[in-house]
Amino acid sequence: MHFDEMAKVCLALLFAIIVAVAAYYCVITIFVDPYLQNGTWKLISNNFDVYHNETSVDTPRIYFIGNSQVMAAVDPAVVAAGLGQKNGTYSVYNLGVNFDTPLQRTIELSDMIKS
């Protein structure tokens, strides 16, 4: 291979990498970020109020998060009653959401930790 051919291949490879990175950035910026910030899944998940509007700050909180299986399987009243018999008072929340994914919950993670 001559030097001219090698230079053309390297430039073509560099151009392909730049185009791929630009396309990735555009897809993330145009489609993924708006979906996570304003997606229709927020119509199903209204958990932000739970984190900010809790009146009893001193009561330890337990959050169950997950998909519809968690939503159907966990009864917060039963869990709170069982824990109350052994260790005291807890605020228990079932925050299960149909079609939940970890990517969707990353938005709520900082609010969960703060609360």
PDB file of N, CA and C in Angstrom:
ATOM      1  N   MET A   1       0.849  -1.167   0.000  1.00  0.00           N
ATOM      2  CA  MET A   1       0.000   0.000   0.000  1.00  0.00           C
ATOM      3  C   MET A   1       0.902   1.240   0.000  1.00  0.00           C
ATOM      4  N   HIS A   2       0.573   2.174  -0.826  1.00  0.00           N
ATOM      5  CA  HIS A   2       1.353   3.405  -0.905  1.00  0.00           C
ATOM      6  C   HIS A   2       0.920   4.368   0.192  1.00  0.00           C
ATOM      7  N   PHE A   3       1.760   5.344   0.416  1.00  0.00           N
ATOM      8  CA  PHE A   3       1.488   6.338   1.450  1.00  0.00           C
ATOM      9  C   PHE A   3       0.195   7.101   1.156  1.00  0.00           C
ATOM     10  N   ASP A   4      -0.063   7.409  -0.103  1.00  0.00           N
ATOM     11  CA  ASP A   4      -1.280   8.140  -0.469  1.00  0.00           C
ATOM     12  C   ASP A   4      -2.533   7.329  -0.164  1.00  0.00           C
ATOM     13  N   GLU A   5      -2.476   6.039  -0.463  1.00  0.00           N
ATOM     14  CA  GLU A   5      -3.624   5.169  -0.180  1.00  0.00           C
ATOM     15  C   GLU A   5      -3.838   5.036   1.319  1.00  0.00           C
ATOM     16  N   MET A   6      -2.773   4.917   2.090  1.00  0.00           N
ATOM     17  CA  MET A   6      -2.881   4.796   3.544  1.00  0.00           C
ATOM     18  C   MET A   6      -3.452   6.083   4.152  1.00  0.00           C
ATOM     19  N   ALA A   7      -3.039   7.212   3.638  1.00  0.00           N
ATOM     20  CA  ALA A   7      -3.555   8.487   4.122  1.00  0.00           C
ATOM     21  C   ALA A   7      -5.046   8.608   3.825  1.00  0.00           C
ATOM     22  N   LYS A   8      -5.481   8.162   2.653  1.00  0.00           N
ATOM     23  CA  LYS A   8      -6.902   8.205   2.308  1.00  0.00           C
ATOM     24  C   LYS A   8      -7.721   7.295   3.217  1.00  0.00           C
ATOM     25  N   VAL A   9      -7.187   6.113   3.506  1.00  0.00           N
ATOM     26  CA  VAL A   9      -7.886   5.183   4.398  1.00  0.00           C
ATOM     27  C   VAL A   9      -7.989   5.768   5.796  1.00  0.00           C
ATOM     28  N   CYS A  10      -6.933   6.352   6.291  1.00  0.00           N
ATOM     29  CA  CYS A  10      -6.958   6.952   7.634  1.00  0.00           C
ATOM     30  C   CYS A  10      -7.938   8.119   7.699  1.00  0.00           C
ATOM     31  N   LEU A  11      -7.953   8.949   6.671  1.00  0.00           N
ATOM     32  CA  LEU A  11      -8.900  10.058   6.643  1.00  0.00           C
ATOM     33  C   LEU A  11     -10.346   9.570   6.559  1.00  0.00           C
ATOM     34  N   ALA A  12     -10.574   8.535   5.767  1.00  0.00           N
ATOM     35  CA  ALA A  12     -11.923   7.968   5.674  1.00  0.00           C
ATOM     36  C   ALA A  12     -12.355   7.378   7.011  1.00  0.00           C
ATOM     37  N   LEU A  13     -11.442   6.707   7.696  1.00  0.00           N
ATOM     38  CA  LEU A  13     -11.745   6.129   9.005  1.00  0.00           C
ATOM     39  C   LEU A  13     -12.030   7.227  10.029  1.00  0.00           C
ATOM     40  N   LEU A  14     -11.229   8.273  10.023  1.00  0.00           N
ATOM     41  CA  LEU A  14     -11.443   9.395  10.927  1.00  0.00           C
ATOM     42  C   LEU A  14     -12.783  10.075  10.652  1.00  0.00           C
ATOM     43  N   PHE A  15     -13.098  10.257   9.387  1.00  0.00           N
ATOM     44  CA  PHE A  15     -14.378  10.857   9.008  1.00  0.00           C
ATOM     45  C   PHE A  15     -15.550   9.983   9.473  1.00  0.00           C
ATOM     46  N   ALA A  16     -15.434   8.663   9.318  1.00  0.00           N
ATOM     47  CA  ALA A  16     -16.498   7.746   9.748  1.00  0.00           C
ATOM     48  C   ALA A  16     -16.700   7.807  11.257  1.00  0.00           C
ATOM     49  N   ILE A  17     -15.612   7.907  12.008  1.00  0.00           N
ATOM     50  CA  ILE A  17     -15.723   7.995  13.473  1.00  0.00           C
ATOM     51  C   ILE A  17     -16.400   9.296  13.872  1.00  0.00           C
ATOM     52  N   ILE A  18     -16.025  10.382  13.223  1.00  0.00           N
ATOM     53  CA  ILE A  18     -16.634  11.679  13.537  1.00  0.00           C
ATOM     54  C   ILE A  18     -18.125  11.672  13.211  1.00  0.00           C
ATOM     55  N   VAL A  19     -18.498  11.105  12.083  1.00  0.00           N
ATOM     56  CA  VAL A  19     -19.917  11.030  11.713  1.00  0.00           C
ATOM     57  C   VAL A  19     -20.682  10.155  12.706  1.00  0.00           C
ATOM     58  N   ALA A  20     -20.097   9.036  13.132  1.00  0.00           N
ATOM     59  CA  ALA A  20     -20.769   8.142  14.079  1.00  0.00           C
ATOM     60  C   ALA A  20     -20.980   8.824  15.429  1.00  0.00           C
ATOM     61  N   VAL A  21     -19.989   9.521  15.923  1.00  0.00           N
ATOM     62  CA  VAL A  21     -20.116  10.225  17.202  1.00  0.00           C
ATOM     63  C   VAL A  21     -21.158  11.340  17.092  1.00  0.00           C
ATOM     64  N   ALA A  22     -21.148  12.060  15.993  1.00  0.00           N
ATOM     65  CA  ALA A  22     -22.132  13.130  15.791  1.00  0.00           C
ATOM     66  C   ALA A  22     -23.550  12.561  15.711  1.00  0.00           C
ATOM     67  N   ALA A  23     -23.720  11.446  15.016  1.00  0.00           N
ATOM     68  CA  ALA A  23     -25.045  10.823  14.917  1.00  0.00           C
ATOM     69  C   ALA A  23     -25.523  10.347  16.286  1.00  0.00           C
ATOM     70  N   TYR A  24     -24.633   9.739  17.056  1.00  0.00           N
ATOM     71  CA  TYR A  24     -24.981   9.285  18.403  1.00  0.00           C
ATOM     72  C   TYR A  24     -25.422  10.470  19.264  1.00  0.00           C
ATOM     73  N   TYR A  25     -24.650  11.541  19.232  1.00  0.00           N
ATOM     74  CA  TYR A  25     -24.979  12.724  20.021  1.00  0.00           C
ATOM     75  C   TYR A  25     -26.339  13.300  19.609  1.00  0.00           C
ATOM     76  N   CYS A  26     -26.588  13.358  18.320  1.00  0.00           N
ATOM     77  CA  CYS A  26     -27.868  13.890  17.839  1.00  0.00           C
ATOM     78  C   CYS A  26     -29.040  13.024  18.289  1.00  0.00           C
ATOM     79  N   VAL A  27     -28.914  11.712  18.188  1.00  0.00           N
ATOM     80  CA  VAL A  27     -30.002  10.817  18.602  1.00  0.00           C
ATOM     81  C   VAL A  27     -30.263  10.952  20.093  1.00  0.00           C
ATOM     82  N   ILE A  28     -29.211  10.979  20.898  1.00  0.00           N
ATOM     83  CA  ILE A  28     -29.391  11.117  22.347  1.00  0.00           C
ATOM     84  C   ILE A  28     -30.035  12.467  22.673  1.00  0.00           C
ATOM     85  N   THR A  29     -29.552  13.526  22.062  1.00  0.00           N
ATOM     86  CA  THR A  29     -30.051  14.865  22.366  1.00  0.00           C
ATOM     87  C   THR A  29     -31.475  15.084  21.863  1.00  0.00           C
ATOM     88  N   ILE A  30     -31.779  14.585  20.687  1.00  0.00           N
ATOM     89  CA  ILE A  30     -33.086  14.862  20.086  1.00  0.00           C
ATOM     90  C   ILE A  30     -34.174  13.920  20.591  1.00  0.00           C
ATOM     91  N   PHE A  31     -33.845  12.637  20.793  1.00  0.00           N
ATOM     92  CA  PHE A  31     -34.883  11.663  21.125  1.00  0.00           C
ATOM     93  C   PHE A  31     -34.853  11.186  22.576  1.00  0.00           C
ATOM     94  N   VAL A  32     -33.698  10.781  23.079  1.00  0.00           N
ATOM     95  CA  VAL A  32     -33.648  10.138  24.392  1.00  0.00           C
ATOM     96  C   VAL A  32     -33.842  11.134  25.523  1.00  0.00           C
ATOM     97  N   ASP A  33     -33.101  12.233  25.528  1.00  0.00           N
ATOM     98  CA  ASP A  33     -33.228  13.196  26.618  1.00  0.00           C
ATOM     99  C   ASP A  33     -34.635  13.777  26.747  1.00  0.00           C
ATOM    100  N   PRO A  34     -35.274  14.205  25.646  1.00  0.00           N
ATOM    101  CA  PRO A  34     -36.652  14.694  25.799  1.00  0.00           C
ATOM    102  C   PRO A  34     -37.617  13.615  26.291  1.00  0.00           C
ATOM    103  N   TYR A  35     -37.397  12.368  25.870  1.00  0.00           N
ATOM    104  CA  TYR A  35     -38.262  11.295  26.349  1.00  0.00           C
ATOM    105  C   TYR A  35     -38.120  11.126  27.853  1.00  0.00           C
ATOM    106  N   LEU A  36     -36.898  11.161  28.335  1.00  0.00           N
ATOM    107  CA  LEU A  36     -36.690  10.987  29.765  1.00  0.00           C
ATOM    108  C   LEU A  36     -37.213  12.170  30.570  1.00  0.00           C
ATOM    109  N   GLN A  37     -37.106  13.359  30.027  1.00  0.00           N
ATOM    110  CA  GLN A  37     -37.571  14.535  30.762  1.00  0.00           C
ATOM    111  C   GLN A  37     -39.078  14.754  30.655  1.00  0.00           C
ATOM    112  N   ASN A  38     -39.663  14.457  29.504  1.00  0.00           N
ATOM    113  CA  ASN A  38     -41.083  14.773  29.280  1.00  0.00           C
ATOM    114  C   ASN A  38     -41.856  13.586  28.738  1.00  0.00           C
ATOM    115  N   GLY A  39     -41.346  12.393  28.920  1.00  0.00           N
ATOM    116  CA  GLY A  39     -41.949  11.214  28.308  1.00  0.00           C
ATOM    117  C   GLY A  39     -43.328  10.899  28.821  1.00  0.00           C
ATOM    118  N   THR A  40     -44.065  10.122  28.040  1.00  0.00           N
ATOM    119  CA  THR A  40     -45.425   9.747  28.419  1.00  0.00           C
ATOM    120  C   THR A  40     -45.439   8.834  29.624  1.00  0.00           C
ATOM    121  N   TRP A  41     -44.294   8.204  29.948  1.00  0.00           N
ATOM    122  CA  TRP A  41     -44.268   7.329  31.123  1.00  0.00           C
ATOM    123  C   TRP A  41     -44.509   8.114  32.398  1.00  0.00           C
ATOM    124  N   LYS A  42     -44.248   9.443  32.383  1.00  0.00           N
ATOM    125  CA  LYS A  42     -44.499  10.247  33.574  1.00  0.00           C
ATOM    126  C   LYS A  42     -45.986  10.372  33.864  1.00  0.00           C
ATOM    127  N   LEU A  43     -46.824  10.168  32.845  1.00  0.00           N
ATOM    128  CA  LEU A  43     -48.259  10.173  33.085  1.00  0.00           C
ATOM    129  C   LEU A  43     -48.663   8.984  33.935  1.00  0.00           C
ATOM    130  N   ILE A  44     -47.898   7.900  33.849  1.00  0.00           N
ATOM    131  CA  ILE A  44     -48.163   6.712  34.647  1.00  0.00           C
ATOM    132  C   ILE A  44     -47.495   6.844  36.008  1.00  0.00           C
ATOM    133  N   SER A  45     -46.270   7.320  36.027  1.00  0.00           N
ATOM    134  CA  SER A  45     -45.488   7.432  37.250  1.00  0.00           C
ATOM    135  C   SER A  45     -45.587   8.842  37.804  1.00  0.00           C
ATOM    136  N   ASN A  46     -46.291   8.997  38.888  1.00  0.00           N
ATOM    137  CA  ASN A  46     -46.415  10.299  39.535  1.00  0.00           C
ATOM    138  C   ASN A  46     -45.792  10.217  40.919  1.00  0.00           C
ATOM    139  N   ASN A  47     -44.577   9.719  40.982  1.00  0.00           N
ATOM    140  CA  ASN A  47     -43.925   9.471  42.255  1.00  0.00           C
ATOM    141  C   ASN A  47     -43.173  10.676  42.796  1.00  0.00           C
ATOM    142  N   PHE A  48     -43.013  11.721  42.009  1.00  0.00           N
ATOM    143  CA  PHE A  48     -42.246  12.867  42.463  1.00  0.00           C
ATOM    144  C   PHE A  48     -42.887  13.530  43.674  1.00  0.00           C
ATOM    145  N   ASP A  49     -44.213  13.519  43.742  1.00  0.00           N
ATOM    146  CA  ASP A  49     -44.894  14.120  44.880  1.00  0.00           C
ATOM    147  C   ASP A  49     -44.611  13.356  46.169  1.00  0.00           C
ATOM    148  N   VAL A  50     -44.411  12.068  46.073  1.00  0.00           N
ATOM    149  CA  VAL A  50     -44.140  11.252  47.257  1.00  0.00           C
ATOM    150  C   VAL A  50     -42.843  11.693  47.906  1.00  0.00           C
ATOM    151  N   TYR A  51     -41.840  11.984  47.094  1.00  0.00           N
ATOM    152  CA  TYR A  51     -40.538  12.338  47.646  1.00  0.00           C
ATOM    153  C   TYR A  51     -40.532  13.711  48.294  1.00  0.00           C
ATOM    154  N   HIS A  52     -41.316  14.650  47.766  1.00  0.00           N
ATOM    155  CA  HIS A  52     -41.256  16.032  48.225  1.00  0.00           C
ATOM    156  C   HIS A  52     -42.325  16.391  49.245  1.00  0.00           C
ATOM    157  N   ASN A  53     -43.441  15.686  49.284  1.00  0.00           N
ATOM    158  CA  ASN A  53     -44.569  16.100  50.113  1.00  0.00           C
ATOM    159  C   ASN A  53     -44.765  15.240  51.350  1.00  0.00           C
ATOM    160  N   GLU A  54     -43.776  14.541  51.758  1.00  0.00           N
ATOM    161  CA  GLU A  54     -43.900  13.718  52.963  1.00  0.00           C
ATOM    162  C   GLU A  54     -43.888  14.634  54.190  1.00  0.00           C
ATOM    163  N   THR A  55     -44.888  14.474  55.057  1.00  0.00           N
ATOM    164  CA  THR A  55     -44.995  15.362  56.216  1.00  0.00           C
ATOM    165  C   THR A  55     -44.150  14.887  57.386  1.00  0.00           C
ATOM    166  N   SER A  56     -44.064  13.589  57.611  1.00  0.00           N
ATOM    167  CA  SER A  56     -43.308  13.090  58.755  1.00  0.00           C
ATOM    168  C   SER A  56     -41.860  12.834  58.332  1.00  0.00           C
ATOM    169  N   VAL A  57     -41.017  13.807  58.575  1.00  0.00           N
ATOM    170  CA  VAL A  57     -39.625  13.725  58.138  1.00  0.00           C
ATOM    171  C   VAL A  57     -38.846  12.744  59.009  1.00  0.00           C
ATOM    172  N   ASP A  58     -39.226  12.594  60.262  1.00  0.00           N
ATOM    173  CA  ASP A  58     -38.480  11.730  61.179  1.00  0.00           C
ATOM    174  C   ASP A  58     -38.755  10.250  60.964  1.00  0.00           C
ATOM    175  N   THR A  59     -39.848   9.912  60.309  1.00  0.00           N
ATOM    176  CA  THR A  59     -40.199   8.508  60.088  1.00  0.00           C
ATOM    177  C   THR A  59     -39.346   7.937  58.965  1.00  0.00           C
ATOM    178  N   PRO A  60     -38.654   6.827  59.224  1.00  0.00           N
ATOM    179  CA  PRO A  60     -37.872   6.208  58.136  1.00  0.00           C
ATOM    180  C   PRO A  60     -38.791   5.750  57.009  1.00  0.00           C
ATOM    181  N   ARG A  61     -38.305   5.864  55.783  1.00  0.00           N
ATOM    182  CA  ARG A  61     -39.106   5.526  54.619  1.00  0.00           C
ATOM    183  C   ARG A  61     -38.523   4.321  53.901  1.00  0.00           C
ATOM    184  N   ILE A  62     -39.417   3.511  53.378  1.00  0.00           N
ATOM    185  CA  ILE A  62     -39.034   2.366  52.552  1.00  0.00           C
ATOM    186  C   ILE A  62     -39.784   2.484  51.236  1.00  0.00           C
ATOM    187  N   TYR A  63     -39.026   2.481  50.132  1.00  0.00           N
ATOM    188  CA  TYR A  63     -39.615   2.576  48.796  1.00  0.00           C
ATOM    189  C   TYR A  63     -39.430   1.248  48.079  1.00  0.00           C
ATOM    190  N   PHE A  64     -40.502   0.720  47.538  1.00  0.00           N
ATOM    191  CA  PHE A  64     -40.427  -0.434  46.649  1.00  0.00           C
ATOM    192  C   PHE A  64     -40.596   0.093  45.236  1.00  0.00           C
ATOM    193  N   ILE A  65     -39.573  -0.071  44.422  1.00  0.00           N
ATOM    194  CA  ILE A  65     -39.644   0.392  43.046  1.00  0.00           C
ATOM    195  C   ILE A  65     -39.497  -0.800  42.114  1.00  0.00           C
ATOM    196  N   GLY A  66     -40.083  -0.688  40.947  1.00  0.00           N
ATOM    197  CA  GLY A  66     -39.983  -1.768  39.979  1.00  0.00           C
ATOM    198  C   GLY A  66     -41.119  -1.705  38.972  1.00  0.00           C
ATOM    199  N   ASN A  67     -41.307  -2.805  38.292  1.00  0.00           N
ATOM    200  CA  ASN A  67     -42.321  -2.855  37.232  1.00  0.00           C
ATOM    201  C   ASN A  67     -43.664  -3.304  37.813  1.00  0.00           C
ATOM    202  N   SER A  68     -44.552  -3.769  36.957  1.00  0.00           N
ATOM    203  CA  SER A  68     -45.906  -4.129  37.383  1.00  0.00           C
ATOM    204  C   SER A  68     -45.917  -5.304  38.357  1.00  0.00           C
ATOM    205  N   GLN A  69     -44.905  -6.148  38.321  1.00  0.00           N
ATOM    206  CA  GLN A  69     -44.855  -7.258  39.283  1.00  0.00           C
ATOM    207  C   GLN A  69     -44.680  -6.741  40.704  1.00  0.00           C
ATOM    208  N   VAL A  70     -43.855  -5.739  40.883  1.00  0.00           N
ATOM    209  CA  VAL A  70     -43.695  -5.120  42.204  1.00  0.00           C
ATOM    210  C   VAL A  70     -44.977  -4.402  42.588  1.00  0.00           C
ATOM    211  N   MET A  71     -45.576  -3.723  41.623  1.00  0.00           N
ATOM    212  CA  MET A  71     -46.801  -2.979  41.883  1.00  0.00           C
ATOM    213  C   MET A  71     -47.914  -3.913  42.376  1.00  0.00           C
ATOM    214  N   ALA A  72     -48.000  -5.109  41.800  1.00  0.00           N
ATOM    215  CA  ALA A  72     -49.061  -6.041  42.172  1.00  0.00           C
ATOM    216  C   ALA A  72     -48.729  -6.852  43.427  1.00  0.00           C
ATOM    217  N   ALA A  73     -47.450  -7.065  43.687  1.00  0.00           N
ATOM    218  CA  ALA A  73     -47.073  -8.003  44.746  1.00  0.00           C
ATOM    219  C   ALA A  73     -46.881  -7.371  46.117  1.00  0.00           C
ATOM    220  N   VAL A  74     -46.569  -6.095  46.183  1.00  0.00           N
ATOM    221  CA  VAL A  74     -46.229  -5.471  47.460  1.00  0.00           C
ATOM    222  C   VAL A  74     -47.397  -4.641  47.963  1.00  0.00           C
ATOM    223  N   ASP A  75     -47.843  -4.960  49.170  1.00  0.00           N
ATOM    224  CA  ASP A  75     -48.881  -4.163  49.828  1.00  0.00           C
ATOM    225  C   ASP A  75     -48.209  -3.352  50.936  1.00  0.00           C
ATOM    226  N   PRO A  76     -48.067  -2.049  50.765  1.00  0.00           N
ATOM    227  CA  PRO A  76     -47.343  -1.238  51.746  1.00  0.00           C
ATOM    228  C   PRO A  76     -47.930  -1.302  53.155  1.00  0.00           C
ATOM    229  N   ALA A  77     -49.244  -1.424  53.262  1.00  0.00           N
ATOM    230  CA  ALA A  77     -49.859  -1.490  54.586  1.00  0.00           C
ATOM    231  C   ALA A  77     -49.436  -2.755  55.329  1.00  0.00           C
ATOM    232  N   VAL A  78     -49.375  -3.870  54.630  1.00  0.00           N
ATOM    233  CA  VAL A  78     -48.961  -5.129  55.253  1.00  0.00           C
ATOM    234  C   VAL A  78     -47.491  -5.065  55.670  1.00  0.00           C
ATOM    235  N   VAL A  79     -46.660  -4.512  54.806  1.00  0.00           N
ATOM    236  CA  VAL A  79     -45.231  -4.395  55.132  1.00  0.00           C
ATOM    237  C   VAL A  79     -45.038  -3.481  56.328  1.00  0.00           C
ATOM    238  N   ALA A  80     -45.721  -2.333  56.347  1.00  0.00           N
ATOM    239  CA  ALA A  80     -45.596  -1.396  57.464  1.00  0.00           C
ATOM    240  C   ALA A  80     -46.091  -2.022  58.762  1.00  0.00           C
ATOM    241  N   ALA A  81     -47.191  -2.766  58.687  1.00  0.00           N
ATOM    242  CA  ALA A  81     -47.710  -3.420  59.899  1.00  0.00           C
ATOM    243  C   ALA A  81     -46.739  -4.476  60.410  1.00  0.00           C
ATOM    244  N   GLY A  82     -46.170  -5.262  59.508  1.00  0.00           N
ATOM    245  CA  GLY A  82     -45.200  -6.273  59.920  1.00  0.00           C
ATOM    246  C   GLY A  82     -43.953  -5.665  60.528  1.00  0.00           C
ATOM    247  N   LEU A  83     -43.453  -4.594  59.942  1.00  0.00           N
ATOM    248  CA  LEU A  83     -42.278  -3.919  60.497  1.00  0.00           C
ATOM    249  C   LEU A  83     -42.613  -3.215  61.797  1.00  0.00           C
ATOM    250  N   GLY A  84     -43.845  -2.717  61.907  1.00  0.00           N
ATOM    251  CA  GLY A  84     -44.265  -2.030  63.121  1.00  0.00           C
ATOM    252  C   GLY A  84     -44.306  -2.945  64.327  1.00  0.00           C
ATOM    253  N   GLN A  85     -44.614  -4.209  64.132  1.00  0.00           N
ATOM    254  CA  GLN A  85     -44.639  -5.171  65.234  1.00  0.00           C
ATOM    255  C   GLN A  85     -43.241  -5.446  65.769  1.00  0.00           C
ATOM    256  N   LYS A  86     -42.253  -5.328  64.923  1.00  0.00           N
ATOM    257  CA  LYS A  86     -40.887  -5.675  65.320  1.00  0.00           C
ATOM    258  C   LYS A  86     -40.032  -4.460  65.686  1.00  0.00           C
ATOM    259  N   ASN A  87     -40.040  -3.426  64.818  1.00  0.00           N
ATOM    260  CA  ASN A  87     -39.017  -2.388  64.949  1.00  0.00           C
ATOM    261  C   ASN A  87     -39.536  -0.963  65.069  1.00  0.00           C
ATOM    262  N   GLY A  88     -40.788  -0.734  65.022  1.00  0.00           N
ATOM    263  CA  GLY A  88     -41.266   0.640  65.102  1.00  0.00           C
ATOM    264  C   GLY A  88     -42.041   1.064  63.882  1.00  0.00           C
ATOM    265  N   THR A  89     -42.116   2.372  63.676  1.00  0.00           N
ATOM    266  CA  THR A  89     -42.940   2.938  62.620  1.00  0.00           C
ATOM    267  C   THR A  89     -42.117   3.253  61.384  1.00  0.00           C
ATOM    268  N   TYR A  90     -42.639   2.860  60.239  1.00  0.00           N
ATOM    269  CA  TYR A  90     -42.023   3.149  58.946  1.00  0.00           C
ATOM    270  C   TYR A  90     -43.091   3.660  57.993  1.00  0.00           C
ATOM    271  N   SER A  91     -42.675   4.534  57.079  1.00  0.00           N
ATOM    272  CA  SER A  91     -43.536   4.921  55.967  1.00  0.00           C
ATOM    273  C   SER A  91     -43.134   4.050  54.787  1.00  0.00           C
ATOM    274  N   VAL A  92     -44.061   3.227  54.305  1.00  0.00           N
ATOM    275  CA  VAL A  92     -43.769   2.287  53.232  1.00  0.00           C
ATOM    276  C   VAL A  92     -44.542   2.706  51.988  1.00  0.00           C
ATOM    277  N   TYR A  93     -43.855   2.743  50.843  1.00  0.00           N
ATOM    278  CA  TYR A  93     -44.466   3.166  49.592  1.00  0.00           C
ATOM    279  C   TYR A  93     -44.216   2.123  48.515  1.00  0.00           C
ATOM    280  N   ASN A  94     -45.256   1.803  47.777  1.00  0.00           N
ATOM    281  CA  ASN A  94     -45.120   0.950  46.599  1.00  0.00           C
ATOM    282  C   ASN A  94     -45.124   1.876  45.387  1.00  0.00           C
ATOM    283  N   LEU A  95     -43.967   2.018  44.768  1.00  0.00           N
ATOM    284  CA  LEU A  95     -43.825   2.922  43.631  1.00  0.00           C
ATOM    285  C   LEU A  95     -43.665   2.146  42.332  1.00  0.00           C
ATOM    286  N   GLY A  96     -44.271   0.977  42.268  1.00  0.00           N
ATOM    287  CA  GLY A  96     -44.222   0.189  41.043  1.00  0.00           C
ATOM    288  C   GLY A  96     -44.967   0.878  39.916  1.00  0.00           C
ATOM    289  N   VAL A  97     -44.441   0.735  38.703  1.00  0.00           N
ATOM    290  CA  VAL A  97     -45.015   1.372  37.523  1.00  0.00           C
ATOM    291  C   VAL A  97     -45.050   0.348  36.397  1.00  0.00           C
ATOM    292  N   ASN A  98     -46.168   0.287  35.677  1.00  0.00           N
ATOM    293  CA  ASN A  98     -46.228  -0.593  34.511  1.00  0.00           C
ATOM    294  C   ASN A  98     -45.150  -0.210  33.513  1.00  0.00           C
ATOM    295  N   PHE A  99     -44.517  -1.197  32.931  1.00  0.00           N
ATOM    296  CA  PHE A  99     -43.482  -1.007  31.913  1.00  0.00           C
ATOM    297  C   PHE A  99     -42.309  -0.183  32.418  1.00  0.00           C
ATOM    298  N   ASP A 100     -41.966  -0.329  33.686  1.00  0.00           N
ATOM    299  CA  ASP A 100     -40.862   0.424  34.260  1.00  0.00           C
ATOM    300  C   ASP A 100     -39.529  -0.120  33.758  1.00  0.00           C
ATOM    301  N   THR A 101     -38.581   0.780  33.570  1.00  0.00           N
ATOM    302  CA  THR A 101     -37.220   0.392  33.197  1.00  0.00           C
ATOM    303  C   THR A 101     -36.244   1.169  34.066  1.00  0.00           C
ATOM    304  N   PRO A 102     -35.045   0.637  34.266  1.00  0.00           N
ATOM    305  CA  PRO A 102     -34.051   1.378  35.055  1.00  0.00           C
ATOM    306  C   PRO A 102     -33.723   2.740  34.458  1.00  0.00           C
ATOM    307  N   LEU A 103     -33.736   2.851  33.147  1.00  0.00           N
ATOM    308  CA  LEU A 103     -33.431   4.120  32.508  1.00  0.00           C
ATOM    309  C   LEU A 103     -34.444   5.188  32.910  1.00  0.00           C
ATOM    310  N   GLN A 104     -35.699   4.800  33.034  1.00  0.00           N
ATOM    311  CA  GLN A 104     -36.716   5.768  33.427  1.00  0.00           C
ATOM    312  C   GLN A 104     -36.547   6.189  34.882  1.00  0.00           C
ATOM    313  N   ARG A 105     -36.115   5.288  35.729  1.00  0.00           N
ATOM    314  CA  ARG A 105     -35.985   5.604  37.149  1.00  0.00           C
ATOM    315  C   ARG A 105     -34.748   6.437  37.470  1.00  0.00           C
ATOM    316  N   THR A 106     -33.822   6.576  36.541  1.00  0.00           N
ATOM    317  CA  THR A 106     -32.647   7.391  36.815  1.00  0.00           C
ATOM    318  C   THR A 106     -33.030   8.843  37.072  1.00  0.00           C
ATOM    319  N   ILE A 107     -34.150   9.270  36.514  1.00  0.00           N
ATOM    320  CA  ILE A 107     -34.608  10.640  36.751  1.00  0.00           C
ATOM    321  C   ILE A 107     -35.030  10.816  38.206  1.00  0.00           C
ATOM    322  N   GLU A 108     -35.656   9.817  38.774  1.00  0.00           N
ATOM    323  CA  GLU A 108     -36.165   9.906  40.134  1.00  0.00           C
ATOM    324  C   GLU A 108     -35.116   9.575  41.184  1.00  0.00           C
ATOM    325  N   LEU A 109     -33.979   9.044  40.787  1.00  0.00           N
ATOM    326  CA  LEU A 109     -33.000   8.546  41.742  1.00  0.00           C
ATOM    327  C   LEU A 109     -32.494   9.628  42.691  1.00  0.00           C
ATOM    328  N   SER A 110     -32.177  10.796  42.199  1.00  0.00           N
ATOM    329  CA  SER A 110     -31.677  11.854  43.081  1.00  0.00           C
ATOM    330  C   SER A 110     -32.755  12.284  44.074  1.00  0.00           C
ATOM    331  N   ASP A 111     -34.016  12.331  43.640  1.00  0.00           N
ATOM    332  CA  ASP A 111     -35.088  12.700  44.576  1.00  0.00           C
ATOM    333  C   ASP A 111     -35.293  11.622  45.624  1.00  0.00           C
ATOM    334  N   MET A 112     -35.146  10.355  45.235  1.00  0.00           N
ATOM    335  CA  MET A 112     -35.262   9.272  46.220  1.00  0.00           C
ATOM    336  C   MET A 112     -34.176   9.385  47.278  1.00  0.00           C
ATOM    337  N   ILE A 113     -32.963   9.637  46.846  1.00  0.00           N
ATOM    338  CA  ILE A 113     -31.843   9.721  47.788  1.00  0.00           C
ATOM    339  C   ILE A 113     -32.017  10.917  48.732  1.00  0.00           C
ATOM    340  N   LYS A 114     -32.463  12.046  48.210  1.00  0.00           N
ATOM    341  CA  LYS A 114     -32.682  13.228  49.046  1.00  0.00           C
ATOM    342  C   LYS A 114     -33.736  12.998  50.092  1.00  0.00           C
ATOM    343  N   SER A 115     -34.770  12.217  49.742  1.00  0.00           N
ATOM    344  CA  SER A 115     -35.863  12.035  50.691  1.00  0.00           C
ATOM    345  C   SER A 115     -35.498  11.012  51.741  1.00  0.00           C
TER     346      SER A 115
END
